[in-house]
Amino acid sequence: MLGIFILIGAYRYYARLAEAFRKTKWHYGLLAIGIYIGTQLLFGFSYGIYVGITNPESLNDMNYTGFSGVNVIGWLISIAAVYGVYKLLENKFIKENRQKPTLEIEEIGKTE
């Protein structure tokens, strides 16, 4: 359940970034969802392989559908990945805006 709230927050966070730099909002929102789910899957597979190699008998009793320390670590790693890519995109968009000052010139005289 907490993962769903994180997904919603990541979507809105990226959509706000896209809106600020006049990009398509839902493209970047879906990118945030993809980064979060991809990181969760990568962490889950990595942890499963680690447990399988170190203690193969424990795989029969594994159930991480609830709230556990492994889930919290996975959430934190996924949030860090989403934030890291956000910062990379933000810096990229800022550099693009510096190279295109004509966008601001075109806005002069337009009324909202």
N, C-alpha and C. Protein backbone atom coordinates (compact mmCIF):
# COMPACT_ATOMS: atom_id res chain seq x y z
N MET A 1 0.82 -1.19 0.00
CA MET A 1 0.00 0.00 0.00
C MET A 1 0.86 1.25 0.00
N LEU A 2 1.93 1.23 0.77
CA LEU A 2 2.82 2.37 0.81
C LEU A 2 3.49 2.57 -0.55
N GLY A 3 3.75 1.49 -1.25
CA GLY A 3 4.34 1.57 -2.58
C GLY A 3 3.45 2.34 -3.55
N ILE A 4 2.16 2.19 -3.42
CA ILE A 4 1.23 2.92 -4.29
C ILE A 4 1.31 4.42 -4.02
N PHE A 5 1.39 4.80 -2.76
CA PHE A 5 1.52 6.22 -2.42
C PHE A 5 2.84 6.78 -2.93
N ILE A 6 3.90 5.99 -2.88
CA ILE A 6 5.19 6.42 -3.40
C ILE A 6 5.10 6.61 -4.91
N LEU A 7 4.42 5.69 -5.60
CA LEU A 7 4.25 5.82 -7.06
C LEU A 7 3.48 7.09 -7.42
N ILE A 8 2.42 7.37 -6.70
CA ILE A 8 1.64 8.58 -6.97
C ILE A 8 2.48 9.83 -6.74
N GLY A 9 3.24 9.83 -5.66
CA GLY A 9 4.10 10.98 -5.37
C GLY A 9 5.18 11.16 -6.42
N ALA A 10 5.78 10.07 -6.87
CA ALA A 10 6.83 10.14 -7.89
C ALA A 10 6.25 10.65 -9.20
N TYR A 11 5.06 10.18 -9.56
CA TYR A 11 4.40 10.62 -10.79
C TYR A 11 4.17 12.14 -10.75
N ARG A 12 3.61 12.60 -9.66
CA ARG A 12 3.31 14.03 -9.54
C ARG A 12 4.59 14.87 -9.50
N TYR A 13 5.63 14.36 -8.86
CA TYR A 13 6.91 15.04 -8.75
C TYR A 13 7.51 15.26 -10.14
N TYR A 14 7.53 14.22 -10.94
CA TYR A 14 8.07 14.31 -12.29
C TYR A 14 7.16 15.13 -13.20
N ALA A 15 5.86 15.03 -13.04
CA ALA A 15 4.93 15.81 -13.86
C ALA A 15 5.12 17.30 -13.59
N ARG A 16 5.35 17.65 -12.34
CA ARG A 16 5.59 19.06 -12.00
C ARG A 16 6.88 19.56 -12.64
N LEU A 17 7.91 18.71 -12.66
CA LEU A 17 9.17 19.08 -13.31
C LEU A 17 8.94 19.30 -14.80
N ALA A 18 8.22 18.40 -15.43
CA ALA A 18 7.95 18.52 -16.87
C ALA A 18 7.14 19.77 -17.16
N GLU A 19 6.19 20.08 -16.32
CA GLU A 19 5.36 21.28 -16.52
C GLU A 19 6.20 22.55 -16.40
N ALA A 20 7.13 22.55 -15.48
CA ALA A 20 7.96 23.73 -15.28
C ALA A 20 8.85 24.01 -16.49
N PHE A 21 9.22 22.96 -17.23
CA PHE A 21 10.09 23.13 -18.38
C PHE A 21 9.37 22.89 -19.71
N ARG A 22 8.04 22.97 -19.68
CA ARG A 22 7.19 22.85 -20.87
C ARG A 22 7.41 21.55 -21.63
N LYS A 23 7.41 20.45 -20.91
CA LYS A 23 7.52 19.12 -21.50
C LYS A 23 6.19 18.40 -21.31
N THR A 24 6.06 17.24 -21.93
CA THR A 24 4.84 16.45 -21.78
C THR A 24 4.83 15.80 -20.40
N LYS A 25 3.81 16.15 -19.61
CA LYS A 25 3.78 15.73 -18.21
C LYS A 25 3.67 14.23 -18.03
N TRP A 26 2.78 13.59 -18.77
CA TRP A 26 2.54 12.18 -18.51
C TRP A 26 3.71 11.31 -18.95
N HIS A 27 4.52 11.77 -19.91
CA HIS A 27 5.70 11.00 -20.30
C HIS A 27 6.67 10.88 -19.12
N TYR A 28 6.89 11.98 -18.48
CA TYR A 28 7.83 11.98 -17.37
C TYR A 28 7.22 11.33 -16.12
N GLY A 29 5.92 11.41 -15.97
CA GLY A 29 5.26 10.69 -14.88
C GLY A 29 5.41 9.19 -15.04
N LEU A 30 5.24 8.71 -16.26
CA LEU A 30 5.43 7.28 -16.51
C LEU A 30 6.90 6.87 -16.36
N LEU A 31 7.80 7.78 -16.69
CA LEU A 31 9.22 7.51 -16.46
C LEU A 31 9.49 7.30 -14.97
N ALA A 32 8.89 8.12 -14.13
CA ALA A 32 9.07 7.98 -12.68
C ALA A 32 8.54 6.64 -12.20
N ILE A 33 7.38 6.24 -12.71
CA ILE A 33 6.81 4.95 -12.33
C ILE A 33 7.73 3.81 -12.78
N GLY A 34 8.25 3.92 -14.00
CA GLY A 34 9.15 2.90 -14.51
C GLY A 34 10.43 2.80 -13.70
N ILE A 35 10.97 3.93 -13.30
CA ILE A 35 12.19 3.92 -12.49
C ILE A 35 11.92 3.26 -11.14
N TYR A 36 10.80 3.62 -10.52
CA TYR A 36 10.47 3.05 -9.21
C TYR A 36 10.27 1.54 -9.30
N ILE A 37 9.45 1.11 -10.23
CA ILE A 37 9.16 -0.33 -10.35
C ILE A 37 10.40 -1.10 -10.78
N GLY A 38 11.18 -0.53 -11.70
CA GLY A 38 12.42 -1.19 -12.12
C GLY A 38 13.40 -1.36 -10.98
N THR A 39 13.54 -0.34 -10.16
CA THR A 39 14.44 -0.43 -9.02
C THR A 39 13.94 -1.45 -8.01
N GLN A 40 12.63 -1.47 -7.78
CA GLN A 40 12.05 -2.46 -6.87
C GLN A 40 12.32 -3.88 -7.37
N LEU A 41 12.10 -4.10 -8.67
CA LEU A 41 12.33 -5.43 -9.24
C LEU A 41 13.81 -5.82 -9.16
N LEU A 42 14.69 -4.89 -9.51
CA LEU A 42 16.11 -5.17 -9.45
C LEU A 42 16.54 -5.51 -8.02
N PHE A 43 16.07 -4.74 -7.06
CA PHE A 43 16.41 -5.02 -5.66
C PHE A 43 15.83 -6.36 -5.22
N GLY A 44 14.58 -6.63 -5.60
CA GLY A 44 13.95 -7.89 -5.20
C GLY A 44 14.65 -9.10 -5.79
N PHE A 45 15.00 -9.02 -7.06
CA PHE A 45 15.73 -10.14 -7.68
C PHE A 45 17.10 -10.30 -7.05
N SER A 46 17.79 -9.19 -6.81
CA SER A 46 19.12 -9.25 -6.19
C SER A 46 19.05 -9.88 -4.80
N TYR A 47 18.07 -9.47 -4.02
CA TYR A 47 17.92 -10.03 -2.68
C TYR A 47 17.55 -11.51 -2.75
N GLY A 48 16.67 -11.87 -3.68
CA GLY A 48 16.29 -13.27 -3.83
C GLY A 48 17.46 -14.14 -4.23
N ILE A 49 18.30 -13.65 -5.13
CA ILE A 49 19.48 -14.40 -5.53
C ILE A 49 20.45 -14.53 -4.37
N TYR A 50 20.65 -13.44 -3.62
CA TYR A 50 21.53 -13.48 -2.46
C TYR A 50 21.06 -14.52 -1.44
N VAL A 51 19.77 -14.50 -1.12
CA VAL A 51 19.23 -15.46 -0.15
C VAL A 51 19.32 -16.88 -0.71
N GLY A 52 19.07 -17.03 -2.00
CA GLY A 52 19.14 -18.35 -2.61
C GLY A 52 20.54 -18.94 -2.57
N ILE A 53 21.54 -18.08 -2.71
CA ILE A 53 22.92 -18.56 -2.68
C ILE A 53 23.39 -18.83 -1.26
N THR A 54 23.06 -17.96 -0.33
CA THR A 54 23.55 -18.10 1.04
C THR A 54 22.78 -19.11 1.86
N ASN A 55 21.46 -19.22 1.65
CA ASN A 55 20.65 -20.14 2.45
C ASN A 55 19.49 -20.68 1.60
N PRO A 56 19.74 -21.68 0.78
CA PRO A 56 18.70 -22.16 -0.14
C PRO A 56 17.45 -22.71 0.55
N GLU A 57 17.56 -23.22 1.77
CA GLU A 57 16.40 -23.78 2.45
C GLU A 57 15.38 -22.71 2.85
N SER A 58 15.83 -21.48 3.02
CA SER A 58 14.92 -20.43 3.46
C SER A 58 13.99 -19.95 2.35
N LEU A 59 14.26 -20.31 1.10
CA LEU A 59 13.41 -19.85 0.00
C LEU A 59 12.00 -20.43 0.08
N ASN A 60 11.84 -21.59 0.69
CA ASN A 60 10.51 -22.19 0.81
C ASN A 60 9.63 -21.42 1.80
N ASP A 61 10.22 -20.76 2.77
CA ASP A 61 9.47 -20.05 3.80
C ASP A 61 9.39 -18.55 3.56
N MET A 62 9.91 -18.04 2.43
CA MET A 62 9.98 -16.61 2.20
C MET A 62 8.61 -16.04 1.82
N ASN A 63 8.19 -14.99 2.53
CA ASN A 63 6.95 -14.29 2.24
C ASN A 63 7.15 -12.82 2.59
N TYR A 64 7.43 -11.98 1.58
CA TYR A 64 7.68 -10.57 1.83
C TYR A 64 6.58 -9.70 1.22
N THR A 65 5.36 -10.13 1.37
CA THR A 65 4.25 -9.33 0.86
C THR A 65 3.81 -8.28 1.87
N GLY A 66 4.22 -8.40 3.10
CA GLY A 66 3.82 -7.46 4.13
C GLY A 66 4.89 -6.44 4.41
N PHE A 67 4.84 -5.87 5.58
CA PHE A 67 5.77 -4.84 6.01
C PHE A 67 6.96 -5.51 6.66
N SER A 68 8.15 -5.36 6.07
CA SER A 68 9.36 -5.96 6.64
C SER A 68 10.53 -5.03 6.41
N GLY A 69 11.64 -5.37 7.03
CA GLY A 69 12.84 -4.56 6.87
C GLY A 69 13.35 -4.55 5.44
N VAL A 70 13.20 -5.67 4.75
CA VAL A 70 13.63 -5.74 3.35
C VAL A 70 12.79 -4.82 2.49
N ASN A 71 11.50 -4.77 2.74
CA ASN A 71 10.63 -3.86 1.98
C ASN A 71 10.99 -2.40 2.22
N VAL A 72 11.28 -2.05 3.45
CA VAL A 72 11.64 -0.67 3.78
C VAL A 72 12.93 -0.29 3.06
N ILE A 73 13.90 -1.19 3.05
CA ILE A 73 15.16 -0.92 2.35
C ILE A 73 14.91 -0.77 0.86
N GLY A 74 14.06 -1.63 0.30
CA GLY A 74 13.72 -1.53 -1.11
C GLY A 74 13.04 -0.21 -1.44
N TRP A 75 12.13 0.24 -0.59
CA TRP A 75 11.46 1.52 -0.80
C TRP A 75 12.46 2.67 -0.76
N LEU A 76 13.37 2.64 0.20
CA LEU A 76 14.35 3.71 0.32
C LEU A 76 15.28 3.77 -0.89
N ILE A 77 15.72 2.59 -1.36
CA ILE A 77 16.58 2.54 -2.54
C ILE A 77 15.83 3.05 -3.77
N SER A 78 14.57 2.68 -3.90
CA SER A 78 13.76 3.12 -5.04
C SER A 78 13.51 4.63 -5.01
N ILE A 79 13.23 5.15 -3.84
CA ILE A 79 13.03 6.60 -3.70
C ILE A 79 14.32 7.34 -4.04
N ALA A 80 15.46 6.81 -3.60
CA ALA A 80 16.74 7.44 -3.92
C ALA A 80 17.00 7.42 -5.42
N ALA A 81 16.65 6.33 -6.09
CA ALA A 81 16.83 6.25 -7.55
C ALA A 81 15.93 7.24 -8.27
N VAL A 82 14.69 7.34 -7.83
CA VAL A 82 13.75 8.30 -8.45
C VAL A 82 14.26 9.72 -8.25
N TYR A 83 14.71 10.04 -7.07
CA TYR A 83 15.22 11.39 -6.78
C TYR A 83 16.49 11.68 -7.58
N GLY A 84 17.38 10.69 -7.69
CA GLY A 84 18.62 10.88 -8.44
C GLY A 84 18.37 11.17 -9.91
N VAL A 85 17.45 10.41 -10.52
CA VAL A 85 17.13 10.66 -11.92
C VAL A 85 16.42 12.00 -12.07
N TYR A 86 15.60 12.36 -11.09
CA TYR A 86 14.93 13.67 -11.10
C TYR A 86 15.97 14.79 -11.16
N LYS A 87 16.98 14.71 -10.32
CA LYS A 87 18.01 15.74 -10.29
C LYS A 87 18.79 15.78 -11.60
N LEU A 88 19.07 14.61 -12.19
CA LEU A 88 19.75 14.58 -13.48
C LEU A 88 18.91 15.26 -14.56
N LEU A 89 17.61 14.95 -14.59
CA LEU A 89 16.72 15.57 -15.57
C LEU A 89 16.61 17.07 -15.35
N GLU A 90 16.52 17.48 -14.09
CA GLU A 90 16.40 18.90 -13.78
C GLU A 90 17.63 19.66 -14.27
N ASN A 91 18.81 19.10 -14.03
CA ASN A 91 20.04 19.75 -14.50
C ASN A 91 20.08 19.79 -16.02
N LYS A 92 19.64 18.72 -16.66
CA LYS A 92 19.61 18.68 -18.12
C LYS A 92 18.67 19.74 -18.68
N PHE A 93 17.49 19.86 -18.09
CA PHE A 93 16.53 20.86 -18.56
C PHE A 93 17.03 22.28 -18.34
N ILE A 94 17.70 22.51 -17.24
CA ILE A 94 18.25 23.84 -16.97
C ILE A 94 19.31 24.19 -18.02
N LYS A 95 20.17 23.23 -18.36
CA LYS A 95 21.17 23.47 -19.39
C LYS A 95 20.52 23.73 -20.74
N GLU A 96 19.45 23.00 -21.06
CA GLU A 96 18.74 23.22 -22.32
C GLU A 96 18.13 24.62 -22.36
N ASN A 97 17.58 25.08 -21.26
CA ASN A 97 16.97 26.42 -21.22
C ASN A 97 18.00 27.52 -21.38
N ARG A 98 19.20 27.29 -20.88
CA ARG A 98 20.25 28.29 -21.04
C ARG A 98 20.67 28.42 -22.50
N GLN A 99 20.55 27.33 -23.24
CA GLN A 99 20.96 27.35 -24.64
C GLN A 99 19.87 27.92 -25.54
N LYS A 100 18.62 27.98 -25.06
CA LYS A 100 17.51 28.49 -25.86
C LYS A 100 16.86 29.71 -25.19
N PRO A 101 17.48 30.87 -25.25
CA PRO A 101 16.86 32.04 -24.63
C PRO A 101 15.69 32.59 -25.45
N THR A 102 15.50 32.12 -26.68
CA THR A 102 14.43 32.64 -27.51
C THR A 102 13.06 32.28 -26.97
N LEU A 103 12.98 31.25 -26.15
CA LEU A 103 11.70 30.85 -25.58
C LEU A 103 11.12 31.96 -24.71
N GLU A 104 11.97 32.60 -23.94
CA GLU A 104 11.52 33.69 -23.08
C GLU A 104 11.17 34.94 -23.91
N ILE A 105 11.88 35.14 -24.99
CA ILE A 105 11.61 36.30 -25.84
C ILE A 105 10.24 36.17 -26.50
N GLU A 106 9.88 34.96 -26.89
CA GLU A 106 8.58 34.73 -27.53
C GLU A 106 7.42 34.97 -26.56
N GLU A 107 7.66 34.84 -25.27
CA GLU A 107 6.61 35.00 -24.27
C GLU A 107 6.31 36.47 -24.00
N ILE A 108 7.18 37.38 -24.41
CA ILE A 108 6.97 38.81 -24.17
C ILE A 108 5.75 39.29 -24.95
N GLY A 109 4.85 39.93 -24.28
CA GLY A 109 3.69 40.49 -24.92
C GLY A 109 2.47 39.57 -24.93
N LYS A 110 2.64 38.31 -24.56
CA LYS A 110 1.50 37.40 -24.50
C LYS A 110 0.79 37.60 -23.17
N THR A 111 -0.52 37.57 -23.23
CA THR A 111 -1.30 37.68 -22.01
C THR A 111 -1.84 36.30 -21.65
N GLU A 112 -2.00 36.08 -20.39
CA GLU A 112 -2.48 34.78 -19.92
C GLU A 112 -3.96 34.75 -19.78
